[in-house]
Amino acid sequence: MTTRFAGPLVAFGIASFAANAGGQCRPPANSHEARLLAFYEAPIVFSMSSAAEPLGAGAVHIGAEMIPVPAPAAALQHPNYCYANTTNNTKLAPLFGRPRLTIGLPAGFAAEVSYLPNVTVSAARANLISVALTHIESLPFLRDGLSLAIRVDGTAGRVRGAITCPRRNLQTSDENIPCFGTQPSRDMFDPNSFGLEAAIATRAARGRVAVYAGGGARSLRPHFRAGFTDALGNIDHTTIDVDLVRATAFAGVTAHVRDHFSLSAQLYVVPADVTTLRFGAQYALR
């Protein structure tokens, strides 16, 4: 994949002008800030994107996925713990996309990796890496064509953009109103997450269609840092850190439209936060 591939990227806002600029804020799990961070983690997590299938050692599949970024509830766009009297710039792009590479390993294992190397799309710049290890086992004693996949994954990196004070929100009429300045903010969001999930898949139509469902648990440890300098030279470098655990569930279908090419669609649910869709394509090189 080249650096031109990545698809539109997701980003979100927390707010600006903290009462204690440059400080650290750790909002409780039920705060708007924590829930908004968790909301925008969902499209970025490196969850299973298609029906897992046994791969021989040395098999190589390349693919891509695209996730529409939903809009949060209006209430979440107004911080209630770390900031006050502000409105979030909650989305820099309507879609998040990334490449995927899957390599078959011995003993029924498969490794996955995705990397976005400082790709700039629209108003966001992302540098993200995700990795996963999956063990896939056929279950013939239950039903022909049934398989079980157990998977662990992690994502780390950074998304940069004018999140707290984009250009359209800048103003120079009142220093007591947020975004008093002439230069957009330079904010950073680190969507760190770790997940464990399991799924069962069954095949039909002579193996060309696979239906799967599963769920798991995910640790979310996002970090946000504001970066705004107002017209008076005051700098807001407030950081927000959250440590959350979320249950997840998903179900989807994968269709092998050609011998080496497949398409997938999935419903991904985080009951506490959001429901999203995932669309993927995959090509088997060997």
C-alpha atoms as a PDB file:
ATOM      1  CA  MET A   1       0.000   0.000   0.000  1.00  0.00           C
ATOM      2  CA  THR A   2       1.193   3.544  -0.681  1.00  0.00           C
ATOM      3  CA  THR A   3       0.864   6.499   1.599  1.00  0.00           C
ATOM      4  CA  ARG A   4      -1.984   7.738  -0.575  1.00  0.00           C
ATOM      5  CA  PHE A   5      -4.149   4.920   0.705  1.00  0.00           C
ATOM      6  CA  ALA A   6      -5.796   5.316   4.049  1.00  0.00           C
ATOM      7  CA  GLY A   7      -9.285   6.479   3.322  1.00  0.00           C
ATOM      8  CA  PRO A   8     -10.795   9.417   5.074  1.00  0.00           C
ATOM      9  CA  LEU A   9      -9.762   9.593   8.692  1.00  0.00           C
ATOM     10  CA  VAL A  10     -11.773  10.086  11.820  1.00  0.00           C
ATOM     11  CA  ALA A  11     -11.054  12.759  14.379  1.00  0.00           C
ATOM     12  CA  PHE A  12     -13.022  14.451  17.099  1.00  0.00           C
ATOM     13  CA  GLY A  13     -12.945  17.309  19.555  1.00  0.00           C
ATOM     14  CA  ILE A  14     -12.874  17.573  23.255  1.00  0.00           C
ATOM     15  CA  ALA A  15     -13.121  21.397  23.594  1.00  0.00           C
ATOM     16  CA  SER A  16     -10.871  24.333  24.365  1.00  0.00           C
ATOM     17  CA  PHE A  17      -9.961  26.878  27.005  1.00  0.00           C
ATOM     18  CA  ALA A  18      -9.633  24.852  30.166  1.00  0.00           C
ATOM     19  CA  ALA A  19      -9.937  26.661  33.422  1.00  0.00           C
ATOM     20  CA  ASN A  20      -6.460  25.386  34.255  1.00  0.00           C
ATOM     21  CA  ALA A  21      -4.712  25.471  30.863  1.00  0.00           C
ATOM     22  CA  GLY A  22      -1.785  23.108  30.575  1.00  0.00           C
ATOM     23  CA  GLY A  23      -3.069  20.818  33.346  1.00  0.00           C
ATOM     24  CA  GLN A  24      -4.036  17.177  33.305  1.00  0.00           C
ATOM     25  CA  CYS A  25      -7.650  16.053  33.479  1.00  0.00           C
ATOM     26  CA  ARG A  26      -8.867  12.531  34.256  1.00  0.00           C
ATOM     27  CA  PRO A  27     -12.634  12.622  33.827  1.00  0.00           C
ATOM     28  CA  PRO A  28     -14.842   9.906  35.349  1.00  0.00           C
ATOM     29  CA  ALA A  29     -16.227   7.171  33.127  1.00  0.00           C
ATOM     30  CA  ASN A  30     -19.695   8.744  32.997  1.00  0.00           C
ATOM     31  CA  SER A  31     -18.477  12.206  31.947  1.00  0.00           C
ATOM     32  CA  HIS A  32     -19.169  13.566  28.486  1.00  0.00           C
ATOM     33  CA  GLU A  33     -15.420  13.740  27.804  1.00  0.00           C
ATOM     34  CA  ALA A  34     -14.828  10.051  28.624  1.00  0.00           C
ATOM     35  CA  ARG A  35     -17.877   8.889  26.715  1.00  0.00           C
ATOM     36  CA  LEU A  36     -16.936  10.954  23.669  1.00  0.00           C
ATOM     37  CA  LEU A  37     -13.417   9.517  23.650  1.00  0.00           C
ATOM     38  CA  ALA A  38     -14.869   6.001  23.847  1.00  0.00           C
ATOM     39  CA  PHE A  39     -17.384   6.849  21.108  1.00  0.00           C
ATOM     40  CA  TYR A  40     -14.632   7.765  18.652  1.00  0.00           C
ATOM     41  CA  GLU A  41     -12.427   4.831  19.602  1.00  0.00           C
ATOM     42  CA  ALA A  42     -14.991   2.434  18.095  1.00  0.00           C
ATOM     43  CA  PRO A  43     -14.273   3.115  14.384  1.00  0.00           C
ATOM     44  CA  ILE A  44     -10.494   2.962  14.961  1.00  0.00           C
ATOM     45  CA  VAL A  45     -10.138  -0.274  16.979  1.00  0.00           C
ATOM     46  CA  PHE A  46      -8.541  -3.161  15.058  1.00  0.00           C
ATOM     47  CA  SER A  47     -11.432  -5.562  15.392  1.00  0.00           C
ATOM     48  CA  MET A  48     -12.066  -8.624  13.241  1.00  0.00           C
ATOM     49  CA  SER A  49     -13.238  -7.364   9.826  1.00  0.00           C
ATOM     50  CA  SER A  50     -14.287 -10.570   8.057  1.00  0.00           C
ATOM     51  CA  ALA A  51     -15.080 -14.217   8.683  1.00  0.00           C
ATOM     52  CA  ALA A  52     -11.878 -15.854   9.879  1.00  0.00           C
ATOM     53  CA  GLU A  53     -10.769 -18.807   7.795  1.00  0.00           C
ATOM     54  CA  PRO A  54      -7.881 -21.242   8.248  1.00  0.00           C
ATOM     55  CA  LEU A  55      -4.776 -20.063   6.391  1.00  0.00           C
ATOM     56  CA  GLY A  56      -1.833 -22.210   5.474  1.00  0.00           C
ATOM     57  CA  ALA A  57       1.588 -21.171   6.697  1.00  0.00           C
ATOM     58  CA  GLY A  58       2.944 -18.545   4.314  1.00  0.00           C
ATOM     59  CA  ALA A  59      -0.441 -17.500   2.908  1.00  0.00           C
ATOM     60  CA  VAL A  60      -0.653 -13.747   2.290  1.00  0.00           C
ATOM     61  CA  HIS A  61      -3.864 -11.709   2.026  1.00  0.00           C
ATOM     62  CA  ILE A  62      -4.010  -7.965   1.408  1.00  0.00           C
ATOM     63  CA  GLY A  63      -7.125  -5.912   2.049  1.00  0.00           C
ATOM     64  CA  ALA A  64      -8.720  -2.676   3.072  1.00  0.00           C
ATOM     65  CA  GLU A  65     -11.616  -1.616   5.241  1.00  0.00           C
ATOM     66  CA  MET A  66     -13.802   1.452   5.516  1.00  0.00           C
ATOM     67  CA  ILE A  67     -15.898   2.492   8.508  1.00  0.00           C
ATOM     68  CA  PRO A  68     -18.493   5.288   8.385  1.00  0.00           C
ATOM     69  CA  VAL A  69     -18.016   7.593  11.359  1.00  0.00           C
ATOM     70  CA  PRO A  70     -21.324   8.178  13.185  1.00  0.00           C
ATOM     71  CA  ALA A  71     -22.293  11.424  14.868  1.00  0.00           C
ATOM     72  CA  PRO A  72     -22.433  11.466  18.683  1.00  0.00           C
ATOM     73  CA  ALA A  73     -25.463  12.554  20.643  1.00  0.00           C
ATOM     74  CA  ALA A  74     -25.770  16.311  20.968  1.00  0.00           C
ATOM     75  CA  ALA A  75     -25.239  16.149  24.738  1.00  0.00           C
ATOM     76  CA  LEU A  76     -21.792  14.565  24.344  1.00  0.00           C
ATOM     77  CA  GLN A  77     -20.615  17.515  22.282  1.00  0.00           C
ATOM     78  CA  HIS A  78     -20.711  19.709  25.399  1.00  0.00           C
ATOM     79  CA  PRO A  79     -17.980  18.790  27.938  1.00  0.00           C
ATOM     80  CA  ASN A  80     -19.083  18.747  31.558  1.00  0.00           C
ATOM     81  CA  TYR A  81     -15.938  17.925  33.532  1.00  0.00           C
ATOM     82  CA  CYS A  82     -12.635  19.127  32.036  1.00  0.00           C
ATOM     83  CA  TYR A  83     -14.022  22.124  30.161  1.00  0.00           C
ATOM     84  CA  ALA A  84     -17.016  24.390  30.354  1.00  0.00           C
ATOM     85  CA  ASN A  85     -19.050  26.587  28.016  1.00  0.00           C
ATOM     86  CA  THR A  86     -17.648  25.044  24.838  1.00  0.00           C
ATOM     87  CA  THR A  87     -18.877  23.019  21.897  1.00  0.00           C
ATOM     88  CA  ASN A  88     -16.828  20.231  20.335  1.00  0.00           C
ATOM     89  CA  ASN A  89     -15.601  20.045  16.769  1.00  0.00           C
ATOM     90  CA  THR A  90     -16.572  16.396  16.758  1.00  0.00           C
ATOM     91  CA  LYS A  91     -15.662  15.146  13.294  1.00  0.00           C
ATOM     92  CA  LEU A  92     -13.035  16.029  10.709  1.00  0.00           C
ATOM     93  CA  ALA A  93     -14.113  13.402   8.157  1.00  0.00           C
ATOM     94  CA  PRO A  94     -17.144  11.145   7.607  1.00  0.00           C
ATOM     95  CA  LEU A  95     -15.147   7.924   7.074  1.00  0.00           C
ATOM     96  CA  PHE A  96     -12.169   6.075   8.490  1.00  0.00           C
ATOM     97  CA  GLY A  97     -10.206   3.655   6.310  1.00  0.00           C
ATOM     98  CA  ARG A  98      -7.010   1.636   6.459  1.00  0.00           C
ATOM     99  CA  PRO A  99      -5.137  -1.214   4.730  1.00  0.00           C
ATOM    100  CA  ARG A 100      -4.761  -4.709   6.197  1.00  0.00           C
ATOM    101  CA  LEU A 101      -2.167  -7.409   5.675  1.00  0.00           C
ATOM    102  CA  THR A 102      -2.785 -10.978   6.900  1.00  0.00           C
ATOM    103  CA  ILE A 103      -0.103 -13.680   6.954  1.00  0.00           C
ATOM    104  CA  GLY A 104      -0.746 -17.352   7.682  1.00  0.00           C
ATOM    105  CA  LEU A 105       1.410 -18.903  10.411  1.00  0.00           C
ATOM    106  CA  PRO A 106       1.957 -22.522  11.481  1.00  0.00           C
ATOM    107  CA  ALA A 107      -0.394 -24.351  13.874  1.00  0.00           C
ATOM    108  CA  GLY A 108      -3.552 -22.497  12.772  1.00  0.00           C
ATOM    109  CA  PHE A 109      -2.376 -19.001  13.661  1.00  0.00           C
ATOM    110  CA  ALA A 110      -2.555 -15.859  11.515  1.00  0.00           C
ATOM    111  CA  ALA A 111      -0.971 -12.439  12.038  1.00  0.00           C
ATOM    112  CA  GLU A 112      -2.489  -9.138  10.902  1.00  0.00           C
ATOM    113  CA  VAL A 113      -0.993  -5.670  10.634  1.00  0.00           C
ATOM    114  CA  SER A 114      -2.178  -2.250   9.485  1.00  0.00           C
ATOM    115  CA  TYR A 115      -0.107   0.911   9.218  1.00  0.00           C
ATOM    116  CA  LEU A 116      -0.899   4.520   8.331  1.00  0.00           C
ATOM    117  CA  PRO A 117       2.416   6.422   7.961  1.00  0.00           C
ATOM    118  CA  ASN A 118       1.592  10.072   8.720  1.00  0.00           C
ATOM    119  CA  VAL A 119      -1.128  10.207   6.104  1.00  0.00           C
ATOM    120  CA  THR A 120      -2.918  13.543   5.723  1.00  0.00           C
ATOM    121  CA  VAL A 121      -6.509  13.409   4.542  1.00  0.00           C
ATOM    122  CA  SER A 122      -8.854  16.368   4.695  1.00  0.00           C
ATOM    123  CA  ALA A 123      -8.126  18.197   7.971  1.00  0.00           C
ATOM    124  CA  ALA A 124      -6.545  15.262   9.825  1.00  0.00           C
ATOM    125  CA  ARG A 125      -3.116  13.663   9.888  1.00  0.00           C
ATOM    126  CA  ALA A 126      -2.832  10.113  11.188  1.00  0.00           C
ATOM    127  CA  ASN A 127       0.063   7.872  12.136  1.00  0.00           C
ATOM    128  CA  LEU A 128      -1.433   4.605  13.394  1.00  0.00           C
ATOM    129  CA  ILE A 129      -0.261   1.023  13.714  1.00  0.00           C
ATOM    130  CA  SER A 130      -2.433  -1.968  14.571  1.00  0.00           C
ATOM    131  CA  VAL A 131      -1.474  -5.617  15.048  1.00  0.00           C
ATOM    132  CA  ALA A 132      -3.421  -8.791  15.803  1.00  0.00           C
ATOM    133  CA  LEU A 133      -2.854 -12.498  16.332  1.00  0.00           C
ATOM    134  CA  THR A 134      -5.648 -14.969  15.589  1.00  0.00           C
ATOM    135  CA  HIS A 135      -5.958 -18.694  16.181  1.00  0.00           C
ATOM    136  CA  ILE A 136      -8.460 -20.390  13.882  1.00  0.00           C
ATOM    137  CA  GLU A 137      -9.701 -23.917  14.439  1.00  0.00           C
ATOM    138  CA  SER A 138     -12.197 -25.982  12.449  1.00  0.00           C
ATOM    139  CA  LEU A 139     -14.957 -27.602  14.500  1.00  0.00           C
ATOM    140  CA  PRO A 140     -16.156 -30.592  12.440  1.00  0.00           C
ATOM    141  CA  PHE A 141     -17.615 -32.320  15.490  1.00  0.00           C
ATOM    142  CA  LEU A 142     -20.309 -29.651  15.699  1.00  0.00           C
ATOM    143  CA  ARG A 143     -21.080 -29.042  12.064  1.00  0.00           C
ATOM    144  CA  ASP A 144     -19.245 -29.232   8.764  1.00  0.00           C
ATOM    145  CA  GLY A 145     -17.779 -25.868   7.843  1.00  0.00           C
ATOM    146  CA  LEU A 146     -17.948 -24.420  11.354  1.00  0.00           C
ATOM    147  CA  SER A 147     -14.838 -22.650  12.687  1.00  0.00           C
ATOM    148  CA  LEU A 148     -13.820 -20.859  15.868  1.00  0.00           C
ATOM    149  CA  ALA A 149     -11.482 -17.860  15.901  1.00  0.00           C
ATOM    150  CA  ILE A 150      -9.868 -16.375  19.017  1.00  0.00           C
ATOM    151  CA  ARG A 151      -8.097 -13.074  18.459  1.00  0.00           C
ATOM    152  CA  VAL A 152      -6.049 -10.493  20.380  1.00  0.00           C
ATOM    153  CA  ASP A 153      -5.251  -7.058  18.946  1.00  0.00           C
ATOM    154  CA  GLY A 154      -3.813  -3.661  19.761  1.00  0.00           C
ATOM    155  CA  THR A 155      -3.750  -0.183  18.245  1.00  0.00           C
ATOM    156  CA  ALA A 156      -1.448   2.739  18.995  1.00  0.00           C
ATOM    157  CA  GLY A 157      -0.525   5.983  17.273  1.00  0.00           C
ATOM    158  CA  ARG A 158      -1.660   9.552  16.896  1.00  0.00           C
ATOM    159  CA  VAL A 159      -4.231  11.651  15.043  1.00  0.00           C
ATOM    160  CA  ARG A 160      -3.441  15.366  14.663  1.00  0.00           C
ATOM    161  CA  GLY A 161      -5.738  18.172  13.615  1.00  0.00           C
ATOM    162  CA  ALA A 162      -7.510  21.399  14.533  1.00  0.00           C
ATOM    163  CA  ILE A 163      -9.885  19.742  16.945  1.00  0.00           C
ATOM    164  CA  THR A 164     -10.504  22.235  19.744  1.00  0.00           C
ATOM    165  CA  CYS A 165     -10.372  25.398  17.624  1.00  0.00           C
ATOM    166  CA  PRO A 166     -10.701  24.857  13.863  1.00  0.00           C
ATOM    167  CA  ARG A 167     -10.378  27.895  11.621  1.00  0.00           C
ATOM    168  CA  ARG A 168     -14.147  28.353  11.343  1.00  0.00           C
ATOM    169  CA  ASN A 169     -14.409  28.821  15.156  1.00  0.00           C
ATOM    170  CA  LEU A 170     -11.658  31.431  15.517  1.00  0.00           C
ATOM    171  CA  GLN A 171     -12.674  34.897  16.691  1.00  0.00           C
ATOM    172  CA  THR A 172     -10.911  38.067  17.844  1.00  0.00           C
ATOM    173  CA  SER A 173     -13.833  40.005  19.274  1.00  0.00           C
ATOM    174  CA  ASP A 174     -13.873  38.705  22.865  1.00  0.00           C
ATOM    175  CA  GLU A 175     -10.981  37.123  24.790  1.00  0.00           C
ATOM    176  CA  ASN A 176     -13.465  35.540  27.216  1.00  0.00           C
ATOM    177  CA  ILE A 177     -15.044  33.468  24.443  1.00  0.00           C
ATOM    178  CA  PRO A 178     -13.393  30.212  23.298  1.00  0.00           C
ATOM    179  CA  CYS A 179     -11.038  30.236  20.285  1.00  0.00           C
ATOM    180  CA  PHE A 180      -9.881  33.831  20.723  1.00  0.00           C
ATOM    181  CA  GLY A 181      -7.033  33.914  18.191  1.00  0.00           C
ATOM    182  CA  THR A 182      -5.994  33.804  14.564  1.00  0.00           C
ATOM    183  CA  GLN A 183      -4.339  30.369  14.227  1.00  0.00           C
ATOM    184  CA  PRO A 184      -6.209  27.038  14.431  1.00  0.00           C
ATOM    185  CA  SER A 185      -5.325  24.707  17.246  1.00  0.00           C
ATOM    186  CA  ARG A 186      -2.823  21.879  16.790  1.00  0.00           C
ATOM    187  CA  ASP A 187      -4.321  19.090  18.877  1.00  0.00           C
ATOM    188  CA  MET A 188      -3.367  15.445  19.282  1.00  0.00           C
ATOM    189  CA  PHE A 189      -5.422  12.309  19.979  1.00  0.00           C
ATOM    190  CA  ASP A 190      -3.813   8.951  20.771  1.00  0.00           C
ATOM    191  CA  PRO A 191      -6.410   6.164  20.316  1.00  0.00           C
ATOM    192  CA  ASN A 192      -4.731   3.408  22.306  1.00  0.00           C
ATOM    193  CA  SER A 193      -6.680   0.168  22.707  1.00  0.00           C
ATOM    194  CA  PHE A 194      -6.261  -3.557  23.360  1.00  0.00           C
ATOM    195  CA  GLY A 195      -8.871  -6.202  22.654  1.00  0.00           C
ATOM    196  CA  LEU A 196      -9.730  -9.891  23.056  1.00  0.00           C
ATOM    197  CA  GLU A 197     -12.530 -11.363  20.977  1.00  0.00           C
ATOM    198  CA  ALA A 198     -13.896 -14.682  19.720  1.00  0.00           C
ATOM    199  CA  ALA A 199     -16.177 -15.533  16.807  1.00  0.00           C
ATOM    200  CA  ILE A 200     -17.828 -18.550  15.214  1.00  0.00           C
ATOM    201  CA  ALA A 201     -18.282 -18.734  11.430  1.00  0.00           C
ATOM    202  CA  THR A 202     -20.221 -21.100   9.224  1.00  0.00           C
ATOM    203  CA  ARG A 203     -20.080 -21.466   5.458  1.00  0.00           C
ATOM    204  CA  ALA A 204     -22.777 -21.913   2.833  1.00  0.00           C
ATOM    205  CA  ALA A 205     -23.199 -21.770  -0.950  1.00  0.00           C
ATOM    206  CA  ARG A 206     -20.374 -24.278  -1.452  1.00  0.00           C
ATOM    207  CA  GLY A 207     -18.105 -22.298   0.809  1.00  0.00           C
ATOM    208  CA  ARG A 208     -18.440 -18.999  -1.055  1.00  0.00           C
ATOM    209  CA  VAL A 209     -20.434 -17.274   1.706  1.00  0.00           C
ATOM    210  CA  ALA A 210     -19.513 -17.199   5.389  1.00  0.00           C
ATOM    211  CA  VAL A 211     -21.691 -15.839   8.185  1.00  0.00           C
ATOM    212  CA  TYR A 212     -20.082 -15.100  11.530  1.00  0.00           C
ATOM    213  CA  ALA A 213     -20.843 -13.622  14.946  1.00  0.00           C
ATOM    214  CA  GLY A 214     -18.858 -12.967  18.074  1.00  0.00           C
ATOM    215  CA  GLY A 215     -17.928 -10.600  20.850  1.00  0.00           C
ATOM    216  CA  GLY A 216     -15.282  -9.726  23.364  1.00  0.00           C
ATOM    217  CA  ALA A 217     -13.848  -7.145  25.725  1.00  0.00           C
ATOM    218  CA  ARG A 218     -11.708  -4.113  25.011  1.00  0.00           C
ATOM    219  CA  SER A 219      -9.455  -1.888  27.097  1.00  0.00           C
ATOM    220  CA  LEU A 220      -9.516   1.738  25.958  1.00  0.00           C
ATOM    221  CA  ARG A 221      -6.774   4.130  27.089  1.00  0.00           C
ATOM    222  CA  PRO A 222      -7.110   7.210  24.875  1.00  0.00           C
ATOM    223  CA  HIS A 223      -4.988  10.285  25.462  1.00  0.00           C
ATOM    224  CA  PHE A 224      -5.873  13.773  24.237  1.00  0.00           C
ATOM    225  CA  ARG A 225      -3.712  16.898  24.284  1.00  0.00           C
ATOM    226  CA  ALA A 226      -4.962  20.352  23.375  1.00  0.00           C
ATOM    227  CA  GLY A 227      -2.685  22.708  21.464  1.00  0.00           C
ATOM    228  CA  PHE A 228      -4.064  26.225  21.127  1.00  0.00           C
ATOM    229  CA  THR A 229      -2.318  29.575  21.489  1.00  0.00           C
ATOM    230  CA  ASP A 230      -4.696  32.519  21.779  1.00  0.00           C
ATOM    231  CA  ALA A 231      -4.159  36.088  20.543  1.00  0.00           C
ATOM    232  CA  LEU A 232      -2.683  37.077  23.929  1.00  0.00           C
ATOM    233  CA  GLY A 233      -0.061  34.338  23.836  1.00  0.00           C
ATOM    234  CA  ASN A 234      -1.783  32.082  26.386  1.00  0.00           C
ATOM    235  CA  ILE A 235      -1.170  28.405  25.591  1.00  0.00           C
ATOM    236  CA  ASP A 236      -3.615  25.586  26.325  1.00  0.00           C
ATOM    237  CA  HIS A 237      -1.834  22.224  26.513  1.00  0.00           C
ATOM    238  CA  THR A 238      -4.428  20.522  28.688  1.00  0.00           C
ATOM    239  CA  THR A 239      -4.337  16.714  28.528  1.00  0.00           C
ATOM    240  CA  ILE A 240      -7.227  14.319  29.007  1.00  0.00           C
ATOM    241  CA  ASP A 241      -6.658  10.659  29.895  1.00  0.00           C
ATOM    242  CA  VAL A 242      -9.265   7.937  30.216  1.00  0.00           C
ATOM    243  CA  ASP A 243      -9.049   4.268  31.213  1.00  0.00           C
ATOM    244  CA  LEU A 244     -12.162   2.294  30.244  1.00  0.00           C
ATOM    245  CA  VAL A 245     -13.248  -1.308  29.612  1.00  0.00           C
ATOM    246  CA  ARG A 246     -15.972  -2.010  27.069  1.00  0.00           C
ATOM    247  CA  ALA A 247     -17.885  -5.130  26.014  1.00  0.00           C
ATOM    248  CA  THR A 248     -18.275  -5.577  22.250  1.00  0.00           C
ATOM    249  CA  ALA A 249     -20.397  -7.660  19.894  1.00  0.00           C
ATOM    250  CA  PHE A 250     -20.400  -8.053  16.131  1.00  0.00           C
ATOM    251  CA  ALA A 251     -21.943 -10.045  13.284  1.00  0.00           C
ATOM    252  CA  GLY A 252     -21.204 -10.055   9.591  1.00  0.00           C
ATOM    253  CA  VAL A 253     -21.003 -11.812   6.265  1.00  0.00           C
ATOM    254  CA  THR A 254     -18.102 -12.479   3.885  1.00  0.00           C
ATOM    255  CA  ALA A 255     -18.698 -13.360   0.228  1.00  0.00           C
ATOM    256  CA  HIS A 256     -16.038 -14.831  -2.055  1.00  0.00           C
ATOM    257  CA  VAL A 257     -17.058 -13.133  -5.284  1.00  0.00           C
ATOM    258  CA  ARG A 258     -14.038 -14.550  -7.159  1.00  0.00           C
ATOM    259  CA  ASP A 259     -11.500 -17.274  -6.432  1.00  0.00           C
ATOM    260  CA  HIS A 260      -9.053 -14.907  -4.702  1.00  0.00           C
ATOM    261  CA  PHE A 261     -11.259 -11.911  -3.909  1.00  0.00           C
ATOM    262  CA  SER A 262     -13.835 -11.407  -1.142  1.00  0.00           C
ATOM    263  CA  LEU A 263     -16.083  -8.646   0.202  1.00  0.00           C
ATOM    264  CA  SER A 264     -17.312  -8.266   3.772  1.00  0.00           C
ATOM    265  CA  ALA A 265     -19.868  -6.276   5.739  1.00  0.00           C
ATOM    266  CA  GLN A 266     -20.204  -6.175   9.515  1.00  0.00           C
ATOM    267  CA  LEU A 267     -22.339  -4.665  12.247  1.00  0.00           C
ATOM    268  CA  TYR A 268     -20.086  -3.705  15.174  1.00  0.00           C
ATOM    269  CA  VAL A 269     -21.707  -2.828  18.508  1.00  0.00           C
ATOM    270  CA  VAL A 270     -20.292  -1.319  21.679  1.00  0.00           C
ATOM    271  CA  PRO A 271     -23.448  -1.402  23.854  1.00  0.00           C
ATOM    272  CA  ALA A 272     -22.229   1.394  26.126  1.00  0.00           C
ATOM    273  CA  ASP A 273     -21.270   3.757  23.317  1.00  0.00           C
ATOM    274  CA  VAL A 274     -22.125   3.261  19.649  1.00  0.00           C
ATOM    275  CA  THR A 275     -23.097   0.989  16.760  1.00  0.00           C
ATOM    276  CA  THR A 276     -21.050   1.165  13.567  1.00  0.00           C
ATOM    277  CA  LEU A 277     -20.748  -0.562  10.206  1.00  0.00           C
ATOM    278  CA  ARG A 278     -17.556  -1.959   8.674  1.00  0.00           C
ATOM    279  CA  PHE A 279     -16.958  -2.747   5.020  1.00  0.00           C
ATOM    280  CA  GLY A 280     -13.941  -4.629   3.756  1.00  0.00           C
ATOM    281  CA  ALA A 281     -12.294  -6.180   0.714  1.00  0.00           C
ATOM    282  CA  GLN A 282      -9.559  -8.814   0.640  1.00  0.00           C
ATOM    283  CA  TYR A 283      -7.382 -10.411  -2.039  1.00  0.00           C
ATOM    284  CA  ALA A 284      -5.396 -13.613  -1.598  1.00  0.00           C
ATOM    285  CA  LEU A 285      -1.912 -13.246  -3.077  1.00  0.00           C
ATOM    286  CA  ARG A 286      -0.935 -16.829  -2.256  1.00  0.00           C
END
